[in-house]
Amino acid sequence: MSEEACIASDEEVFKLKRGLPWEEKVKICERWKQSGLSKVMYCKRHSLVFSTFCSWCDRLWPKGASGQLCQVAVLDTMQKKNMAPPMTIEVSLPNQISAKVSLHEHQVLNLIKELVYAASTPR
């Protein structure tokens, strides 16, 4: 999509401030996906309130609605009798974000509990 197509006209900004029907909000969210821009950059270019725009996208594409679980893999489990070194755990999310953390064995269970809670809590 060209840069000119990403910039909102004054008329579009005026309409956004007055409120839009749901169909228009859907079109704006779909244009954002096609633009390849981050939500923040898209909102700046189109004079949108970021939190409002995010609520439209969340309503259109609810998180966790697919029922898919996030993959958790233990990468390194060197254990010794007294004080085992921390385990490296990688969490890969469906949106292609991954995080690696090093935790001691007693912390792993708490992490898993928190992940399950976060995945099951509606936002």
N, C-alpha and C. Protein backbone atom coordinates (compact mmCIF):
# COMPACT_ATOMS: atom_id res chain seq x y z
N MET A 1 0.85 -1.17 0.00
CA MET A 1 0.00 0.00 0.00
C MET A 1 0.90 1.23 0.00
N SER A 2 0.57 2.22 -0.80
CA SER A 2 1.40 3.41 -0.91
C SER A 2 1.27 4.27 0.34
N GLU A 3 2.28 5.11 0.55
CA GLU A 3 2.27 5.98 1.74
C GLU A 3 1.13 6.98 1.67
N GLU A 4 0.81 7.45 0.46
CA GLU A 4 -0.29 8.41 0.32
C GLU A 4 -1.61 7.80 0.77
N ALA A 5 -1.80 6.49 0.51
CA ALA A 5 -3.04 5.83 0.88
C ALA A 5 -3.15 5.62 2.38
N CYS A 6 -2.02 5.74 3.09
CA CYS A 6 -2.01 5.53 4.54
C CYS A 6 -2.34 6.79 5.32
N ILE A 7 -2.35 7.93 4.68
CA ILE A 7 -2.57 9.19 5.38
C ILE A 7 -4.04 9.58 5.28
N ALA A 8 -4.65 9.86 6.42
CA ALA A 8 -6.08 10.19 6.45
C ALA A 8 -6.31 11.61 5.98
N SER A 9 -7.41 11.80 5.23
CA SER A 9 -7.79 13.15 4.82
C SER A 9 -8.49 13.84 5.98
N ASP A 10 -8.65 15.17 5.88
CA ASP A 10 -9.34 15.92 6.94
C ASP A 10 -10.77 15.44 7.10
N GLU A 11 -11.40 15.09 5.98
CA GLU A 11 -12.78 14.60 6.03
C GLU A 11 -12.86 13.28 6.79
N GLU A 12 -11.88 12.37 6.55
CA GLU A 12 -11.87 11.09 7.26
C GLU A 12 -11.67 11.31 8.76
N VAL A 13 -10.77 12.22 9.12
CA VAL A 13 -10.53 12.51 10.54
C VAL A 13 -11.79 13.04 11.19
N PHE A 14 -12.51 13.94 10.50
CA PHE A 14 -13.75 14.49 11.04
C PHE A 14 -14.77 13.38 11.28
N LYS A 15 -14.89 12.46 10.32
CA LYS A 15 -15.82 11.34 10.48
C LYS A 15 -15.45 10.48 11.68
N LEU A 16 -14.14 10.25 11.87
CA LEU A 16 -13.70 9.42 12.98
C LEU A 16 -14.06 10.06 14.32
N LYS A 17 -13.99 11.37 14.39
CA LYS A 17 -14.29 12.05 15.63
C LYS A 17 -15.78 12.03 15.94
N ARG A 18 -16.62 11.94 14.91
CA ARG A 18 -18.07 11.93 15.11
C ARG A 18 -18.59 10.54 15.42
N GLY A 19 -17.83 9.50 15.19
CA GLY A 19 -18.28 8.14 15.41
C GLY A 19 -18.58 7.46 14.09
N LEU A 20 -18.35 6.18 14.05
CA LEU A 20 -18.52 5.43 12.81
C LEU A 20 -19.39 4.21 13.03
N PRO A 21 -20.09 3.78 12.00
CA PRO A 21 -20.80 2.50 12.11
C PRO A 21 -19.77 1.36 12.15
N TRP A 22 -20.18 0.23 12.68
CA TRP A 22 -19.27 -0.91 12.85
C TRP A 22 -18.61 -1.31 11.52
N GLU A 23 -19.34 -1.26 10.43
CA GLU A 23 -18.79 -1.66 9.13
C GLU A 23 -17.57 -0.82 8.76
N GLU A 24 -17.62 0.47 9.07
CA GLU A 24 -16.48 1.35 8.78
C GLU A 24 -15.29 1.01 9.67
N LYS A 25 -15.56 0.68 10.93
CA LYS A 25 -14.49 0.29 11.85
C LYS A 25 -13.80 -0.98 11.35
N VAL A 26 -14.60 -1.92 10.84
CA VAL A 26 -14.04 -3.15 10.29
C VAL A 26 -13.13 -2.83 9.10
N LYS A 27 -13.59 -1.94 8.22
CA LYS A 27 -12.77 -1.56 7.05
C LYS A 27 -11.45 -0.93 7.49
N ILE A 28 -11.51 -0.08 8.50
CA ILE A 28 -10.29 0.57 8.99
C ILE A 28 -9.33 -0.47 9.55
N CYS A 29 -9.85 -1.41 10.33
CA CYS A 29 -8.99 -2.47 10.89
C CYS A 29 -8.38 -3.33 9.78
N GLU A 30 -9.17 -3.64 8.77
CA GLU A 30 -8.65 -4.45 7.66
C GLU A 30 -7.61 -3.68 6.85
N ARG A 31 -7.83 -2.36 6.67
CA ARG A 31 -6.82 -1.54 5.98
C ARG A 31 -5.52 -1.51 6.77
N TRP A 32 -5.63 -1.48 8.11
CA TRP A 32 -4.42 -1.52 8.93
C TRP A 32 -3.65 -2.81 8.67
N LYS A 33 -4.35 -3.95 8.67
CA LYS A 33 -3.66 -5.23 8.44
C LYS A 33 -2.96 -5.24 7.09
N GLN A 34 -3.59 -4.69 6.07
CA GLN A 34 -3.00 -4.66 4.73
C GLN A 34 -1.85 -3.68 4.63
N SER A 35 -1.84 -2.67 5.50
CA SER A 35 -0.81 -1.63 5.41
C SER A 35 0.58 -2.11 5.81
N GLY A 36 0.65 -3.11 6.68
CA GLY A 36 1.94 -3.57 7.16
C GLY A 36 2.52 -2.68 8.25
N LEU A 37 1.80 -1.65 8.66
CA LEU A 37 2.27 -0.74 9.71
C LEU A 37 1.94 -1.31 11.09
N SER A 38 2.67 -0.86 12.09
CA SER A 38 2.30 -1.20 13.46
C SER A 38 1.00 -0.45 13.79
N LYS A 39 0.30 -0.91 14.81
CA LYS A 39 -0.93 -0.23 15.21
C LYS A 39 -0.65 1.22 15.61
N VAL A 40 0.45 1.42 16.32
CA VAL A 40 0.80 2.77 16.78
C VAL A 40 1.01 3.70 15.59
N MET A 41 1.81 3.25 14.61
CA MET A 41 2.11 4.09 13.45
C MET A 41 0.84 4.35 12.63
N TYR A 42 0.01 3.32 12.45
CA TYR A 42 -1.23 3.48 11.70
C TYR A 42 -2.13 4.51 12.38
N CYS A 43 -2.24 4.43 13.71
CA CYS A 43 -3.08 5.39 14.44
C CYS A 43 -2.55 6.81 14.30
N LYS A 44 -1.23 6.97 14.35
CA LYS A 44 -0.65 8.31 14.19
C LYS A 44 -0.95 8.87 12.81
N ARG A 45 -0.79 8.04 11.79
CA ARG A 45 -1.01 8.51 10.41
C ARG A 45 -2.47 8.82 10.13
N HIS A 46 -3.37 8.16 10.84
CA HIS A 46 -4.81 8.34 10.58
C HIS A 46 -5.51 9.11 11.69
N SER A 47 -4.74 9.69 12.59
CA SER A 47 -5.29 10.48 13.71
C SER A 47 -6.33 9.69 14.50
N LEU A 48 -6.03 8.42 14.77
CA LEU A 48 -6.91 7.57 15.55
C LEU A 48 -6.43 7.52 16.99
N VAL A 49 -7.36 7.36 17.91
CA VAL A 49 -6.99 7.13 19.31
C VAL A 49 -6.58 5.67 19.41
N PHE A 50 -5.35 5.43 19.86
CA PHE A 50 -4.78 4.09 19.87
C PHE A 50 -5.66 3.09 20.64
N SER A 51 -6.09 3.44 21.84
CA SER A 51 -6.87 2.50 22.65
C SER A 51 -8.22 2.19 22.00
N THR A 52 -8.82 3.17 21.36
CA THR A 52 -10.09 2.94 20.65
C THR A 52 -9.88 2.01 19.47
N PHE A 53 -8.82 2.27 18.70
CA PHE A 53 -8.51 1.42 17.55
C PHE A 53 -8.24 -0.01 18.00
N CYS A 54 -7.47 -0.18 19.07
CA CYS A 54 -7.19 -1.53 19.59
C CYS A 54 -8.47 -2.24 20.01
N SER A 55 -9.40 -1.50 20.59
CA SER A 55 -10.67 -2.13 21.00
C SER A 55 -11.46 -2.60 19.78
N TRP A 56 -11.40 -1.85 18.68
CA TRP A 56 -12.07 -2.30 17.45
C TRP A 56 -11.45 -3.60 16.96
N CYS A 57 -10.12 -3.62 16.90
CA CYS A 57 -9.41 -4.81 16.41
C CYS A 57 -9.66 -6.01 17.32
N ASP A 58 -9.64 -5.77 18.64
CA ASP A 58 -9.89 -6.87 19.58
C ASP A 58 -11.31 -7.41 19.44
N ARG A 59 -12.24 -6.52 19.15
CA ARG A 59 -13.63 -6.97 18.95
C ARG A 59 -13.76 -7.74 17.64
N LEU A 60 -13.03 -7.31 16.62
CA LEU A 60 -13.07 -7.97 15.32
C LEU A 60 -12.33 -9.30 15.35
N TRP A 61 -11.17 -9.32 15.99
CA TRP A 61 -10.34 -10.53 16.07
C TRP A 61 -10.04 -10.82 17.54
N PRO A 62 -11.00 -11.43 18.26
CA PRO A 62 -10.79 -11.68 19.70
C PRO A 62 -9.57 -12.57 19.94
N LYS A 63 -8.81 -12.22 20.94
CA LYS A 63 -7.63 -13.01 21.30
C LYS A 63 -8.09 -14.24 22.07
N GLY A 64 -7.49 -15.36 21.77
CA GLY A 64 -7.81 -16.58 22.50
C GLY A 64 -9.10 -17.23 22.05
N ALA A 65 -9.78 -16.66 21.07
CA ALA A 65 -11.05 -17.24 20.63
C ALA A 65 -10.85 -18.54 19.88
N SER A 66 -9.64 -18.76 19.36
CA SER A 66 -9.40 -19.97 18.58
C SER A 66 -9.25 -21.20 19.46
N GLY A 67 -9.01 -21.02 20.76
CA GLY A 67 -8.83 -22.15 21.64
C GLY A 67 -7.48 -22.81 21.50
N GLN A 68 -6.56 -22.18 20.79
CA GLN A 68 -5.24 -22.75 20.62
C GLN A 68 -4.40 -22.48 21.85
N LEU A 69 -3.55 -23.45 22.17
CA LEU A 69 -2.63 -23.28 23.28
C LEU A 69 -1.30 -22.77 22.77
N CYS A 70 -0.62 -22.04 23.60
CA CYS A 70 0.72 -21.59 23.27
C CYS A 70 1.69 -22.74 23.54
N GLN A 71 2.69 -22.85 22.70
CA GLN A 71 3.67 -23.91 22.85
C GLN A 71 4.72 -23.50 23.87
N VAL A 72 5.00 -24.39 24.82
CA VAL A 72 6.05 -24.17 25.81
C VAL A 72 7.04 -25.31 25.67
N ALA A 73 8.31 -24.97 25.47
CA ALA A 73 9.34 -26.00 25.30
C ALA A 73 10.46 -25.76 26.29
N VAL A 74 10.91 -26.84 26.95
CA VAL A 74 12.06 -26.76 27.83
C VAL A 74 13.29 -27.03 26.99
N LEU A 75 14.20 -26.06 26.93
CA LEU A 75 15.37 -26.19 26.07
C LEU A 75 16.56 -26.82 26.77
N ASP A 76 16.73 -26.54 28.04
CA ASP A 76 17.90 -27.02 28.74
C ASP A 76 17.52 -27.44 30.15
N THR A 77 17.71 -28.71 30.49
CA THR A 77 17.31 -29.19 31.81
C THR A 77 18.46 -29.89 32.53
N MET A 78 19.61 -29.26 32.62
CA MET A 78 20.72 -29.82 33.39
C MET A 78 20.36 -29.73 34.86
N GLN A 79 20.22 -30.88 35.51
CA GLN A 79 19.85 -30.88 36.92
C GLN A 79 20.95 -31.54 37.74
N LYS A 80 21.24 -30.96 38.88
CA LYS A 80 22.18 -31.54 39.83
C LYS A 80 21.44 -31.74 41.14
N LYS A 81 22.01 -32.54 42.03
CA LYS A 81 21.32 -32.87 43.27
C LYS A 81 21.06 -31.66 44.15
N ASN A 82 22.05 -30.86 44.46
CA ASN A 82 21.88 -29.77 45.42
C ASN A 82 21.16 -28.58 44.80
N MET A 83 21.87 -27.81 44.03
CA MET A 83 21.28 -26.61 43.43
C MET A 83 21.41 -26.71 41.92
N ALA A 84 20.34 -27.11 41.30
CA ALA A 84 20.36 -27.26 39.84
C ALA A 84 20.44 -25.87 39.21
N PRO A 85 21.19 -25.75 38.12
CA PRO A 85 21.22 -24.47 37.42
C PRO A 85 19.84 -24.18 36.83
N PRO A 86 19.57 -22.94 36.53
CA PRO A 86 18.25 -22.61 35.99
C PRO A 86 18.00 -23.28 34.64
N MET A 87 16.73 -23.54 34.38
CA MET A 87 16.32 -24.09 33.08
C MET A 87 16.00 -22.93 32.16
N THR A 88 16.32 -23.10 30.89
CA THR A 88 15.95 -22.10 29.90
C THR A 88 14.67 -22.57 29.24
N ILE A 89 13.65 -21.74 29.31
CA ILE A 89 12.34 -22.07 28.74
C ILE A 89 12.02 -21.03 27.67
N GLU A 90 11.55 -21.53 26.53
CA GLU A 90 11.15 -20.62 25.46
C GLU A 90 9.65 -20.72 25.28
N VAL A 91 9.00 -19.57 25.25
CA VAL A 91 7.55 -19.50 25.03
C VAL A 91 7.34 -18.88 23.66
N SER A 92 6.66 -19.63 22.77
CA SER A 92 6.36 -19.14 21.42
C SER A 92 4.87 -18.87 21.33
N LEU A 93 4.52 -17.63 21.01
CA LEU A 93 3.12 -17.24 20.91
C LEU A 93 2.65 -17.30 19.46
N PRO A 94 1.34 -17.44 19.24
CA PRO A 94 0.82 -17.54 17.87
C PRO A 94 1.14 -16.32 17.00
N ASN A 95 1.38 -15.16 17.59
CA ASN A 95 1.66 -13.96 16.80
C ASN A 95 3.15 -13.82 16.48
N GLN A 96 3.88 -14.93 16.56
CA GLN A 96 5.28 -15.04 16.18
C GLN A 96 6.23 -14.33 17.14
N ILE A 97 5.79 -14.06 18.33
CA ILE A 97 6.66 -13.50 19.36
C ILE A 97 7.11 -14.65 20.24
N SER A 98 8.39 -14.67 20.57
CA SER A 98 8.87 -15.70 21.49
C SER A 98 9.72 -15.04 22.56
N ALA A 99 9.75 -15.69 23.71
CA ALA A 99 10.53 -15.17 24.84
C ALA A 99 11.25 -16.33 25.50
N LYS A 100 12.50 -16.11 25.87
CA LYS A 100 13.28 -17.11 26.60
C LYS A 100 13.50 -16.59 28.01
N VAL A 101 13.30 -17.46 28.98
CA VAL A 101 13.55 -17.10 30.36
C VAL A 101 14.33 -18.21 31.04
N SER A 102 15.17 -17.85 31.98
CA SER A 102 15.91 -18.82 32.78
C SER A 102 15.30 -18.84 34.17
N LEU A 103 14.84 -20.01 34.59
CA LEU A 103 14.17 -20.15 35.88
C LEU A 103 14.70 -21.37 36.61
N HIS A 104 14.69 -21.29 37.92
CA HIS A 104 14.99 -22.46 38.73
C HIS A 104 13.76 -23.34 38.76
N GLU A 105 13.98 -24.60 39.07
CA GLU A 105 12.92 -25.60 39.01
C GLU A 105 11.66 -25.17 39.78
N HIS A 106 11.82 -24.59 40.95
CA HIS A 106 10.66 -24.21 41.76
C HIS A 106 9.88 -23.04 41.15
N GLN A 107 10.49 -22.30 40.22
CA GLN A 107 9.81 -21.16 39.59
C GLN A 107 9.02 -21.57 38.35
N VAL A 108 9.35 -22.73 37.79
CA VAL A 108 8.73 -23.17 36.54
C VAL A 108 7.22 -23.38 36.72
N LEU A 109 6.84 -24.03 37.83
CA LEU A 109 5.42 -24.29 38.07
C LEU A 109 4.63 -22.98 38.17
N ASN A 110 5.19 -22.00 38.86
CA ASN A 110 4.52 -20.69 38.96
C ASN A 110 4.36 -20.04 37.60
N LEU A 111 5.38 -20.14 36.75
CA LEU A 111 5.30 -19.57 35.41
C LEU A 111 4.17 -20.23 34.61
N ILE A 112 4.11 -21.55 34.68
CA ILE A 112 3.07 -22.27 33.93
C ILE A 112 1.69 -21.88 34.43
N LYS A 113 1.52 -21.77 35.75
CA LYS A 113 0.23 -21.35 36.30
C LYS A 113 -0.15 -19.96 35.79
N GLU A 114 0.80 -19.03 35.78
CA GLU A 114 0.53 -17.68 35.31
C GLU A 114 0.18 -17.65 33.82
N LEU A 115 0.88 -18.47 33.02
CA LEU A 115 0.58 -18.52 31.59
C LEU A 115 -0.82 -19.06 31.33
N VAL A 116 -1.19 -20.11 32.05
CA VAL A 116 -2.53 -20.68 31.89
C VAL A 116 -3.58 -19.65 32.30
N TYR A 117 -3.35 -18.95 33.40
CA TYR A 117 -4.29 -17.93 33.85
C TYR A 117 -4.42 -16.81 32.81
N ALA A 118 -3.28 -16.34 32.30
CA ALA A 118 -3.30 -15.25 31.32
C ALA A 118 -4.00 -15.67 30.03
N ALA A 119 -3.79 -16.91 29.61
CA ALA A 119 -4.41 -17.39 28.37
C ALA A 119 -5.92 -17.58 28.52
N SER A 120 -6.37 -17.85 29.73
CA SER A 120 -7.80 -18.12 29.92
C SER A 120 -8.59 -16.91 30.39
N THR A 121 -7.92 -15.80 30.68
CA THR A 121 -8.60 -14.60 31.17
C THR A 121 -9.02 -13.72 30.00
N PRO A 122 -10.32 -13.45 29.84
CA PRO A 122 -10.75 -12.56 28.75
C PRO A 122 -10.28 -11.13 29.00
N ARG A 123 -9.93 -10.46 27.94
CA ARG A 123 -9.46 -9.07 28.05
C ARG A 123 -10.40 -8.16 27.31
